[in-house]
C-alpha cells in the first residue's frame, strides 16, 4: 500500500449545517454534491474532503462509528486503480494487525470497497471507483462509468440514478 490519502470523510451529524460551514462559511467549492447524500470538496492536490452523514458512514464502515465513545466519525480513503487491489490491500492490512470491519464488496455506484480499522480504531476505506480520477494538477475528475471502465461501455454515471452536480 502506497503512503497516500486521497479522501478524508467526515461523519457529520447535520450535513446541511456542515455545508453551511464549509461552503457558505469558509467559501470552499464543492466538486460534486449529491443532494441529501454527500458533498465532495477538493481539499488539496489529489485530496477530497467528503461530508457524509455519520449514520450512513457507520452503516458502511462498521456499526461502532460515531461521536462519543465510539470510533471517530471519520474514514481515510485510499483509492486504487483496480478492484483486485481492494482485496489485496485489505488482506495485507489484516496481516499487519488491522481489524477488517467491512469486507470488500461491490458498490451500487459501480466500484468496490472495504474498510479496515488501524490499531487506534481509525477507519480506512480501500476503494476502487472507476468514475474517479485525478488530473495532472491533482484535481478530482468525476466521469461516467463508460469513460472509466476497462471492460467496455457501462450505462449511467458514477452515481447511477442519483442526481448530482459535477463541476470541473
C-alpha atoms as a PDB file:
ATOM      1  CA  UNK A   1       0.000   0.000   0.000  1.00  0.00           C
ATOM      2  CA  UNK A   2       1.456   3.354  -1.042  1.00  0.00           C
ATOM      3  CA  UNK A   3       1.619   6.044   1.683  1.00  0.00           C
ATOM      4  CA  UNK A   4      -1.078   8.408   0.398  1.00  0.00           C
ATOM      5  CA  UNK A   5      -4.530   9.621   1.368  1.00  0.00           C
ATOM      6  CA  UNK A   6      -6.973  10.585  -1.379  1.00  0.00           C
ATOM      7  CA  UNK A   7     -10.123  11.172   0.655  1.00  0.00           C
ATOM      8  CA  UNK A   8     -10.987  12.233   4.179  1.00  0.00           C
ATOM      9  CA  UNK A   9     -14.609  11.534   5.026  1.00  0.00           C
ATOM     10  CA  UNK A  10     -16.104  13.345   7.969  1.00  0.00           C
ATOM     11  CA  UNK A  11     -19.107  11.669   9.549  1.00  0.00           C
ATOM     12  CA  UNK A  12     -21.246  14.726  10.211  1.00  0.00           C
ATOM     13  CA  UNK A  13     -24.364  14.931  12.384  1.00  0.00           C
ATOM     14  CA  UNK A  14     -26.064  17.528  10.168  1.00  0.00           C
ATOM     15  CA  UNK A  15     -24.938  17.613   6.523  1.00  0.00           C
ATOM     16  CA  UNK A  16     -26.774  20.867   5.810  1.00  0.00           C
ATOM     17  CA  UNK A  17     -25.075  22.591   8.755  1.00  0.00           C
ATOM     18  CA  UNK A  18     -21.696  21.234   7.653  1.00  0.00           C
ATOM     19  CA  UNK A  19     -22.364  22.515   4.132  1.00  0.00           C
ATOM     20  CA  UNK A  20     -23.177  25.940   5.519  1.00  0.00           C
ATOM     21  CA  UNK A  21     -19.909  25.917   7.469  1.00  0.00           C
ATOM     22  CA  UNK A  22     -17.508  24.645   4.768  1.00  0.00           C
ATOM     23  CA  UNK A  23     -19.174  26.012   1.620  1.00  0.00           C
ATOM     24  CA  UNK A  24     -21.032  29.128   2.725  1.00  0.00           C
ATOM     25  CA  UNK A  25     -18.856  29.985   5.734  1.00  0.00           C
ATOM     26  CA  UNK A  26     -15.342  29.094   4.579  1.00  0.00           C
ATOM     27  CA  UNK A  27     -16.027  29.569   0.882  1.00  0.00           C
ATOM     28  CA  UNK A  28     -14.906  26.100  -0.177  1.00  0.00           C
ATOM     29  CA  UNK A  29     -16.341  24.955  -3.516  1.00  0.00           C
ATOM     30  CA  UNK A  30     -17.972  21.529  -3.863  1.00  0.00           C
ATOM     31  CA  UNK A  31     -16.510  19.400  -6.661  1.00  0.00           C
ATOM     32  CA  UNK A  32     -19.525  17.087  -6.569  1.00  0.00           C
ATOM     33  CA  UNK A  33     -22.650  17.419  -4.481  1.00  0.00           C
ATOM     34  CA  UNK A  34     -25.256  14.682  -4.355  1.00  0.00           C
ATOM     35  CA  UNK A  35     -28.348  16.252  -2.792  1.00  0.00           C
ATOM     36  CA  UNK A  36     -29.227  14.666   0.533  1.00  0.00           C
ATOM     37  CA  UNK A  37     -26.246  12.281   0.402  1.00  0.00           C
ATOM     38  CA  UNK A  38     -22.666  13.526   0.203  1.00  0.00           C
ATOM     39  CA  UNK A  39     -20.563  16.576  -0.638  1.00  0.00           C
ATOM     40  CA  UNK A  40     -17.048  16.240  -2.132  1.00  0.00           C
ATOM     41  CA  UNK A  41     -14.718  19.241  -1.778  1.00  0.00           C
ATOM     42  CA  UNK A  42     -11.267  19.439  -3.366  1.00  0.00           C
ATOM     43  CA  UNK A  43      -9.039  19.886  -0.322  1.00  0.00           C
ATOM     44  CA  UNK A  44      -5.605  19.709  -1.916  1.00  0.00           C
ATOM     45  CA  UNK A  45      -3.620  18.021  -4.633  1.00  0.00           C
ATOM     46  CA  UNK A  46      -5.324  14.669  -5.166  1.00  0.00           C
ATOM     47  CA  UNK A  47      -7.276  15.037  -1.917  1.00  0.00           C
ATOM     48  CA  UNK A  48     -11.027  15.185  -1.345  1.00  0.00           C
ATOM     49  CA  UNK A  49     -12.864  16.162   1.816  1.00  0.00           C
ATOM     50  CA  UNK A  50     -16.171  14.289   1.944  1.00  0.00           C
ATOM     51  CA  UNK A  51     -19.049  15.399   4.162  1.00  0.00           C
ATOM     52  CA  UNK A  52     -21.291  12.413   4.805  1.00  0.00           C
ATOM     53  CA  UNK A  53     -23.952  11.734   7.420  1.00  0.00           C
ATOM     54  CA  UNK A  54     -22.436   9.886  10.374  1.00  0.00           C
ATOM     55  CA  UNK A  55     -25.225   7.280  10.336  1.00  0.00           C
ATOM     56  CA  UNK A  56     -24.514   6.485   6.668  1.00  0.00           C
ATOM     57  CA  UNK A  57     -20.776   6.258   7.401  1.00  0.00           C
ATOM     58  CA  UNK A  58     -21.497   3.935  10.312  1.00  0.00           C
ATOM     59  CA  UNK A  59     -23.677   1.689   8.138  1.00  0.00           C
ATOM     60  CA  UNK A  60     -20.893   1.488   5.527  1.00  0.00           C
ATOM     61  CA  UNK A  61     -17.772   1.276   7.717  1.00  0.00           C
ATOM     62  CA  UNK A  62     -18.948  -0.601  10.801  1.00  0.00           C
ATOM     63  CA  UNK A  63     -21.593  -0.093  13.445  1.00  0.00           C
ATOM     64  CA  UNK A  64     -19.284   1.453  16.034  1.00  0.00           C
ATOM     65  CA  UNK A  65     -18.542   4.672  14.101  1.00  0.00           C
ATOM     66  CA  UNK A  66     -19.973   7.733  15.793  1.00  0.00           C
ATOM     67  CA  UNK A  67     -19.427  10.519  18.229  1.00  0.00           C
ATOM     68  CA  UNK A  68     -18.584   9.909  21.884  1.00  0.00           C
ATOM     69  CA  UNK A  69     -17.195   6.545  22.986  1.00  0.00           C
ATOM     70  CA  UNK A  70     -17.399   5.031  19.503  1.00  0.00           C
ATOM     71  CA  UNK A  71     -14.728   5.082  16.809  1.00  0.00           C
ATOM     72  CA  UNK A  72     -14.138   8.612  15.480  1.00  0.00           C
ATOM     73  CA  UNK A  73     -16.648   9.638  12.770  1.00  0.00           C
ATOM     74  CA  UNK A  74     -14.044   9.791  10.033  1.00  0.00           C
ATOM     75  CA  UNK A  75     -12.662   7.448   7.404  1.00  0.00           C
ATOM     76  CA  UNK A  76      -9.433   7.805   5.470  1.00  0.00           C
ATOM     77  CA  UNK A  77      -9.816   6.887   1.811  1.00  0.00           C
ATOM     78  CA  UNK A  78      -7.209   5.140  -0.293  1.00  0.00           C
ATOM     79  CA  UNK A  79      -8.252   4.931  -3.942  1.00  0.00           C
ATOM     80  CA  UNK A  80      -6.717   2.213  -6.090  1.00  0.00           C
ATOM     81  CA  UNK A  81      -6.604   1.510  -9.817  1.00  0.00           C
ATOM     82  CA  UNK A  82      -8.221  -1.948  -9.817  1.00  0.00           C
ATOM     83  CA  UNK A  83     -10.831  -3.914  -7.893  1.00  0.00           C
ATOM     84  CA  UNK A  84      -8.248  -6.651  -7.192  1.00  0.00           C
ATOM     85  CA  UNK A  85      -6.142  -4.119  -5.252  1.00  0.00           C
ATOM     86  CA  UNK A  86      -9.044  -3.549  -2.835  1.00  0.00           C
ATOM     87  CA  UNK A  87      -8.924  -7.204  -1.801  1.00  0.00           C
ATOM     88  CA  UNK A  88      -5.115  -7.385  -1.758  1.00  0.00           C
ATOM     89  CA  UNK A  89      -4.681  -4.291   0.404  1.00  0.00           C
ATOM     90  CA  UNK A  90      -7.382  -5.362   2.860  1.00  0.00           C
ATOM     91  CA  UNK A  91      -5.614  -8.726   3.201  1.00  0.00           C
ATOM     92  CA  UNK A  92      -2.239  -7.010   3.729  1.00  0.00           C
ATOM     93  CA  UNK A  93      -3.701  -4.632   6.332  1.00  0.00           C
ATOM     94  CA  UNK A  94      -5.235  -7.511   8.300  1.00  0.00           C
ATOM     95  CA  UNK A  95      -1.925  -9.363   8.104  1.00  0.00           C
ATOM     96  CA  UNK A  96      -0.254  -6.255   9.528  1.00  0.00           C
ATOM     97  CA  UNK A  97      -2.615  -6.199  12.522  1.00  0.00           C
ATOM     98  CA  UNK A  98      -5.627  -4.235  11.296  1.00  0.00           C
ATOM     99  CA  UNK A  99      -9.176  -5.336  12.041  1.00  0.00           C
ATOM    100  CA  UNK A 100     -11.370  -5.973   8.995  1.00  0.00           C
ATOM    101  CA  UNK A 101     -14.546  -4.022   9.799  1.00  0.00           C
ATOM    102  CA  UNK A 102     -16.295  -4.181   6.409  1.00  0.00           C
ATOM    103  CA  UNK A 103     -15.166  -6.764   3.852  1.00  0.00           C
ATOM    104  CA  UNK A 104     -14.653  -5.778   0.227  1.00  0.00           C
ATOM    105  CA  UNK A 105     -17.913  -5.651  -1.685  1.00  0.00           C
ATOM    106  CA  UNK A 106     -19.422  -4.352  -4.897  1.00  0.00           C
ATOM    107  CA  UNK A 107     -20.943  -0.890  -4.504  1.00  0.00           C
ATOM    108  CA  UNK A 108     -24.114   0.412  -6.192  1.00  0.00           C
ATOM    109  CA  UNK A 109     -22.107   3.210  -7.867  1.00  0.00           C
ATOM    110  CA  UNK A 110     -20.071   0.728  -9.890  1.00  0.00           C
ATOM    111  CA  UNK A 111     -16.919   0.194  -7.861  1.00  0.00           C
ATOM    112  CA  UNK A 112     -15.830  -1.867  -4.885  1.00  0.00           C
ATOM    113  CA  UNK A 113     -14.661  -1.007  -1.397  1.00  0.00           C
ATOM    114  CA  UNK A 114     -13.997  -2.358   2.065  1.00  0.00           C
ATOM    115  CA  UNK A 115     -12.786  -0.997   5.390  1.00  0.00           C
ATOM    116  CA  UNK A 116     -10.184  -1.870   7.990  1.00  0.00           C
ATOM    117  CA  UNK A 117      -9.517  -0.267  11.367  1.00  0.00           C
ATOM    118  CA  UNK A 118      -5.965   0.609  12.321  1.00  0.00           C
ATOM    119  CA  UNK A 119      -4.730  -0.226  15.840  1.00  0.00           C
ATOM    120  CA  UNK A 120      -6.268   3.011  17.156  1.00  0.00           C
ATOM    121  CA  UNK A 121      -9.626   2.312  15.521  1.00  0.00           C
ATOM    122  CA  UNK A 122      -9.358   4.793  12.638  1.00  0.00           C
ATOM    123  CA  UNK A 123     -11.255   3.509   9.625  1.00  0.00           C
ATOM    124  CA  UNK A 124      -9.504   3.239   6.268  1.00  0.00           C
ATOM    125  CA  UNK A 125     -11.637   2.730   3.171  1.00  0.00           C
ATOM    126  CA  UNK A 126      -9.863   0.963   0.329  1.00  0.00           C
ATOM    127  CA  UNK A 127     -11.835   1.863  -2.764  1.00  0.00           C
ATOM    128  CA  UNK A 128     -11.839   1.204  -6.481  1.00  0.00           C
ATOM    129  CA  UNK A 129     -14.011   3.865  -8.155  1.00  0.00           C
ATOM    130  CA  UNK A 130     -13.956   3.538 -11.945  1.00  0.00           C
ATOM    131  CA  UNK A 131     -15.507   7.000 -12.316  1.00  0.00           C
ATOM    132  CA  UNK A 132     -12.911   8.911 -10.268  1.00  0.00           C
ATOM    133  CA  UNK A 133      -9.503  10.033 -11.414  1.00  0.00           C
ATOM    134  CA  UNK A 134      -7.148  12.897 -10.702  1.00  0.00           C
ATOM    135  CA  UNK A 135      -5.741  15.144 -13.426  1.00  0.00           C
ATOM    136  CA  UNK A 136      -2.150  16.365 -13.678  1.00  0.00           C
ATOM    137  CA  UNK A 137      -2.898  19.232 -11.283  1.00  0.00           C
ATOM    138  CA  UNK A 138      -4.277  16.805  -8.693  1.00  0.00           C
ATOM    139  CA  UNK A 139      -7.894  17.849  -9.200  1.00  0.00           C
ATOM    140  CA  UNK A 140     -10.609  15.230  -8.854  1.00  0.00           C
ATOM    141  CA  UNK A 141     -12.295  14.340 -12.138  1.00  0.00           C
ATOM    142  CA  UNK A 142     -15.657  12.587 -11.875  1.00  0.00           C
ATOM    143  CA  UNK A 143     -16.582  10.828 -15.101  1.00  0.00           C
ATOM    144  CA  UNK A 144     -19.055   8.251 -16.236  1.00  0.00           C
ATOM    145  CA  UNK A 145     -18.526   4.552 -15.812  1.00  0.00           C
ATOM    146  CA  UNK A 146     -18.470   4.229 -19.593  1.00  0.00           C
ATOM    147  CA  UNK A 147     -15.474   6.566 -19.760  1.00  0.00           C
ATOM    148  CA  UNK A 148     -13.645   4.842 -16.944  1.00  0.00           C
ATOM    149  CA  UNK A 149     -14.023   1.065 -17.098  1.00  0.00           C
ATOM    150  CA  UNK A 150     -11.638  -1.160 -18.974  1.00  0.00           C
ATOM    151  CA  UNK A 151     -14.348  -3.761 -19.609  1.00  0.00           C
ATOM    152  CA  UNK A 152     -16.200  -1.523 -22.068  1.00  0.00           C
ATOM    153  CA  UNK A 153     -19.335   0.609 -22.069  1.00  0.00           C
ATOM    154  CA  UNK A 154     -21.459   0.690 -18.945  1.00  0.00           C
ATOM    155  CA  UNK A 155     -24.658   2.685 -18.811  1.00  0.00           C
ATOM    156  CA  UNK A 156     -25.090   5.529 -16.299  1.00  0.00           C
ATOM    157  CA  UNK A 157     -22.912   7.861 -14.327  1.00  0.00           C
ATOM    158  CA  UNK A 158     -20.906   7.151 -11.210  1.00  0.00           C
ATOM    159  CA  UNK A 159     -23.957   7.881  -9.069  1.00  0.00           C
ATOM    160  CA  UNK A 160     -26.383   5.973 -11.321  1.00  0.00           C
ATOM    161  CA  UNK A 161     -29.833   7.466 -10.837  1.00  0.00           C
ATOM    162  CA  UNK A 162     -28.797   9.787  -8.008  1.00  0.00           C
ATOM    163  CA  UNK A 163     -28.831  13.382  -9.168  1.00  0.00           C
ATOM    164  CA  UNK A 164     -25.717  15.410  -8.524  1.00  0.00           C
ATOM    165  CA  UNK A 165     -23.901  18.425  -9.833  1.00  0.00           C
ATOM    166  CA  UNK A 166     -20.457  17.865 -11.316  1.00  0.00           C
ATOM    167  CA  UNK A 167     -18.084  20.799 -11.607  1.00  0.00           C
ATOM    168  CA  UNK A 168     -14.705  20.630 -13.309  1.00  0.00           C
END
